[in-house]
Amino acid sequence: MHPAGQVWQEVCHLEDLVPGSGVALLLEEEGVALYYLPEHSPSVYALAHQDPFSGAEVLAYGLLCERDGRWSVAAPLYKQHFDLETGVCWEDESVSVRTWPVRIQGERVWLAI
């Protein structure tokens, strides 16, 4: 248990992630997209894998983009961008995807669930 009351779960090792790309995992029956930007801080982000516009589980396969110092993932089907920190869609701020706090301990990646 984290001091703020969050429960942390180990989800993978850094070596399981692809630098500059996303991977998908299943966490408590929900698809999660993990993105690894080793040259940035923070270096790992976690967003929902489901694209809210198409309903497809595809966000881990989107392209990572940087604009004005902020990183996003472009959804593969309709190309909306979702901010990696907030989950908010850059093209329609009324739409967002879930994000999870991430921490790295050694080579292990943990998500707050």
Protein backbone atom coordinates (compact mmCIF):
# COMPACT_ATOMS: atom_id res chain seq x y z
CA MET A 1 0.00 0.00 0.00
CA HIS A 2 1.34 3.43 -0.97
CA PRO A 3 1.24 6.18 1.70
CA ALA A 4 -1.47 7.99 -0.31
CA GLY A 5 -3.66 4.86 -0.06
CA GLN A 6 -2.89 3.56 -3.54
CA VAL A 7 -2.21 -0.10 -4.15
CA TRP A 8 0.70 -0.70 -6.53
CA GLN A 9 0.98 -3.73 -8.80
CA GLU A 10 4.08 -4.81 -10.68
CA VAL A 11 3.17 -5.15 -14.36
CA CYS A 12 6.45 -5.77 -16.21
CA HIS A 13 10.18 -5.10 -16.41
CA LEU A 14 11.69 -2.24 -18.40
CA GLU A 15 13.27 -4.78 -20.76
CA ASP A 16 9.72 -5.89 -21.72
CA LEU A 17 9.00 -2.42 -23.14
CA VAL A 18 9.97 -1.12 -26.57
CA PRO A 19 11.73 2.29 -26.50
CA GLY A 20 9.72 4.94 -28.34
CA SER A 21 6.69 2.69 -28.66
CA GLY A 22 3.75 1.16 -26.83
CA VAL A 23 2.86 -2.31 -25.60
CA ALA A 24 -0.50 -3.64 -24.43
CA LEU A 25 -1.23 -5.56 -21.25
CA LEU A 26 -4.27 -6.73 -19.36
CA LEU A 27 -4.69 -5.36 -15.84
CA GLU A 28 -7.69 -6.59 -13.85
CA GLU A 29 -9.63 -7.25 -17.09
CA GLU A 30 -8.86 -3.78 -18.51
CA GLY A 31 -6.53 -3.17 -21.44
CA VAL A 32 -3.63 -0.86 -20.62
CA ALA A 33 -1.19 0.71 -23.07
CA LEU A 34 2.32 1.33 -21.71
CA TYR A 35 4.61 3.76 -23.53
CA TYR A 36 8.36 3.92 -22.95
CA LEU A 37 10.31 7.12 -23.62
CA PRO A 38 13.70 6.31 -22.05
CA GLU A 39 15.19 9.75 -22.81
CA HIS A 40 12.40 11.64 -21.02
CA SER A 41 11.11 12.07 -17.50
CA PRO A 42 8.86 10.41 -16.66
CA SER A 43 9.93 7.63 -18.98
CA VAL A 44 6.88 5.32 -18.76
CA TYR A 45 3.22 6.30 -19.19
CA ALA A 46 0.06 4.19 -18.83
CA LEU A 47 -3.19 4.91 -20.67
CA ALA A 48 -6.30 2.91 -21.45
CA HIS A 49 -5.76 0.71 -24.51
CA GLN A 50 -9.30 1.31 -25.84
CA ASP A 51 -9.79 4.17 -28.32
CA PRO A 52 -12.97 5.99 -27.21
CA PHE A 53 -13.75 7.08 -30.79
CA SER A 54 -13.63 3.65 -32.44
CA GLY A 55 -14.11 1.39 -29.41
CA ALA A 56 -11.18 -0.73 -30.61
CA GLU A 57 -8.34 -1.87 -28.33
CA VAL A 58 -5.59 -0.15 -30.35
CA LEU A 59 -3.98 2.77 -28.50
CA ALA A 60 -0.79 0.83 -27.65
CA TYR A 61 -0.18 0.59 -31.41
CA GLY A 62 -0.42 4.34 -32.08
CA LEU A 63 2.45 6.66 -32.99
CA LEU A 64 4.06 8.72 -30.24
CA CYS A 65 4.14 12.45 -30.99
CA GLU A 66 5.64 15.48 -29.25
CA ARG A 67 4.20 19.01 -29.47
CA ASP A 68 5.34 21.97 -27.39
CA GLY A 69 7.10 19.67 -24.94
CA ARG A 70 4.03 17.45 -24.40
CA TRP A 71 3.82 13.83 -25.53
CA SER A 72 0.76 12.12 -26.97
CA VAL A 73 -0.20 8.96 -28.78
CA ALA A 74 -2.02 9.23 -32.12
CA ALA A 75 -4.81 6.66 -32.30
CA PRO A 76 -4.15 4.33 -35.26
CA LEU A 77 -7.68 4.43 -36.70
CA TYR A 78 -8.90 8.05 -36.61
CA LYS A 79 -5.65 9.77 -35.57
CA GLN A 80 -6.87 11.67 -32.51
CA HIS A 81 -4.04 12.48 -30.10
CA PHE A 82 -4.26 11.54 -26.40
CA ASP A 83 -1.96 13.31 -23.95
CA LEU A 84 0.28 10.76 -22.22
CA GLU A 85 0.10 12.56 -18.85
CA THR A 86 -3.59 13.49 -18.68
CA GLY A 87 -5.29 11.19 -21.20
CA VAL A 88 -7.16 14.20 -22.68
CA CYS A 89 -7.76 14.21 -26.43
CA TRP A 90 -5.99 17.17 -28.06
CA GLU A 91 -8.63 17.49 -30.79
CA ASP A 92 -11.65 17.23 -28.45
CA GLU A 93 -10.93 18.07 -24.81
CA SER A 94 -14.32 16.69 -23.75
CA VAL A 95 -12.96 13.19 -24.48
CA SER A 96 -10.25 11.45 -22.47
CA VAL A 97 -8.91 8.02 -21.65
CA ARG A 98 -7.98 6.67 -18.26
CA THR A 99 -4.40 7.07 -17.05
CA TRP A 100 -2.57 5.24 -14.26
CA PRO A 101 0.22 6.53 -12.03
CA VAL A 102 3.47 4.73 -12.88
CA ARG A 103 6.58 4.19 -10.82
CA ILE A 104 9.80 2.43 -11.65
CA GLN A 105 11.81 0.61 -9.00
CA GLY A 106 15.06 -0.73 -10.33
CA GLU A 107 14.05 -2.45 -13.56
CA ARG A 108 10.44 -3.10 -12.50
CA VAL A 109 7.42 -1.11 -13.67
CA TRP A 110 4.51 -0.65 -11.25
CA LEU A 111 1.02 0.83 -11.75
CA ALA A 112 -1.27 2.24 -9.08
CA ILE A 113 -4.53 0.32 -9.27
